[in-house]
Structure formats: C-alpha cells, structure tokens
Protein backbone atom coordinates (compact mmCIF):
# COMPACT_ATOMS: atom_id res chain seq x y z
CA MET A 1 95.43 -200.33 -114.71
CA ALA A 2 91.93 -201.86 -114.74
CA LEU A 3 90.86 -204.25 -117.46
CA SER A 4 87.73 -203.38 -119.38
CA SER A 5 84.89 -205.88 -119.54
CA LYS A 6 84.20 -204.82 -123.15
CA PRO A 7 85.52 -207.18 -125.85
CA ALA A 8 88.43 -205.79 -127.85
CA LYS A 9 87.40 -204.22 -131.15
CA ASN A 10 89.92 -206.34 -133.05
CA GLU A 11 88.99 -209.52 -131.20
CA LEU A 12 89.63 -212.74 -133.13
CA LEU A 13 86.87 -215.33 -133.09
CA THR A 14 87.09 -219.07 -133.69
CA ALA A 15 84.77 -220.81 -136.15
CA GLU A 16 82.57 -221.98 -133.26
CA GLU A 17 82.36 -218.46 -131.78
CA THR A 18 81.60 -217.01 -135.21
CA CYS A 19 78.74 -219.47 -135.73
CA ARG A 20 77.23 -218.41 -132.39
CA TYR A 21 77.79 -214.71 -133.16
CA LEU A 22 76.15 -214.94 -136.61
CA LYS A 23 73.59 -217.60 -135.56
CA ILE A 24 74.52 -219.88 -138.46
CA THR A 25 75.51 -223.52 -138.70
CA PRO A 26 79.12 -224.62 -139.23
CA ARG A 27 78.11 -225.92 -142.66
CA THR A 28 76.90 -222.46 -143.69
CA LEU A 29 80.02 -220.82 -142.25
CA TYR A 30 82.38 -223.07 -144.21
CA ARG A 31 80.33 -222.60 -147.38
CA TYR A 32 80.71 -218.82 -147.01
CA ILE A 33 84.46 -219.27 -146.51
CA GLN A 34 84.79 -221.60 -149.51
CA ASP A 35 82.84 -219.19 -151.74
CA ARG A 36 84.95 -216.28 -150.40
CA HIS A 37 81.85 -214.44 -149.24
CA MET A 38 83.14 -213.91 -145.72
CA PRO A 39 86.33 -212.27 -144.40
CA ALA A 40 88.40 -215.01 -142.78
CA PHE A 41 91.97 -216.23 -142.53
CA LYS A 42 93.80 -219.30 -141.33
CA LEU A 43 95.95 -219.18 -138.23
CA GLY A 44 97.81 -222.46 -138.36
CA LYS A 45 95.16 -225.07 -139.16
CA GLU A 46 92.25 -223.11 -137.71
CA TRP A 47 90.05 -220.45 -139.31
CA ARG A 48 89.87 -217.09 -137.51
CA PHE A 49 87.53 -214.16 -137.94
CA ALA A 50 88.15 -210.55 -136.85
CA ARG A 51 85.03 -209.21 -135.17
CA THR A 52 85.45 -205.80 -136.83
CA ASP A 53 85.69 -207.45 -140.29
CA LEU A 54 82.54 -209.47 -139.58
CA GLU A 55 80.68 -206.34 -138.48
CA GLN A 56 81.67 -204.54 -141.70
CA TRP A 57 80.71 -207.61 -143.76
CA LEU A 58 77.30 -207.72 -142.07
CA GLN A 59 76.80 -204.00 -142.63
CA GLY A 60 77.59 -204.43 -146.32
CA ARG A 61 75.15 -207.33 -146.63
CA ALA A 62 72.42 -205.33 -144.91
CA THR A 63 72.81 -202.36 -147.26
CA SER A 64 73.09 -204.45 -150.44
CA ALA A 65 70.27 -206.88 -149.65
CA PRO A 66 67.24 -206.47 -151.92
CA ARG A 67 64.22 -205.01 -150.19
CA ARG A 68 61.13 -207.18 -150.10
CA SER A 69 57.69 -205.69 -150.26
CA GLY A 70 54.98 -207.07 -148.05
CA ARG A 71 52.75 -207.66 -151.06
CA ALA A 72 52.47 -210.87 -153.06
C-alpha cells in the first residue's frame, strides 16, 4: 500500500504550524484562543488545531466579514 503525499484531512497542527498556516504571530494565535474565537484543544500541555476545523473557521470568517467599498 503506497502512502499519499497529501496531508491527512484531519491532520493536527501544533501552535507553531498553525501560525505558519494562518500567517499570524503566536501572540495573535493565543489571543484568538483566549477569546475563544478559534477552534483549538489541549493535548497534554500543548495546544492542537485540526486542519479541517481551521479551514471551516476561515470559511466562516470570510463569509461573515463586512465588505469594504473602495470609496472613502
């Protein structure tokens, strides 16, 4: 059986990997966690993030974000 090079859909990311994936700083990541804005859970002492949950969270933010007009 050959292994796929695609990441698993339910892949768990570390805080560092999540920061790289979302292109945010650790400070912003932990603020989102503290304010319960982001889907996350603790595994032992470390925070973990399911990639599928993050993708759904991003999709929800994109659809609920207010639209800005190009006019001042």
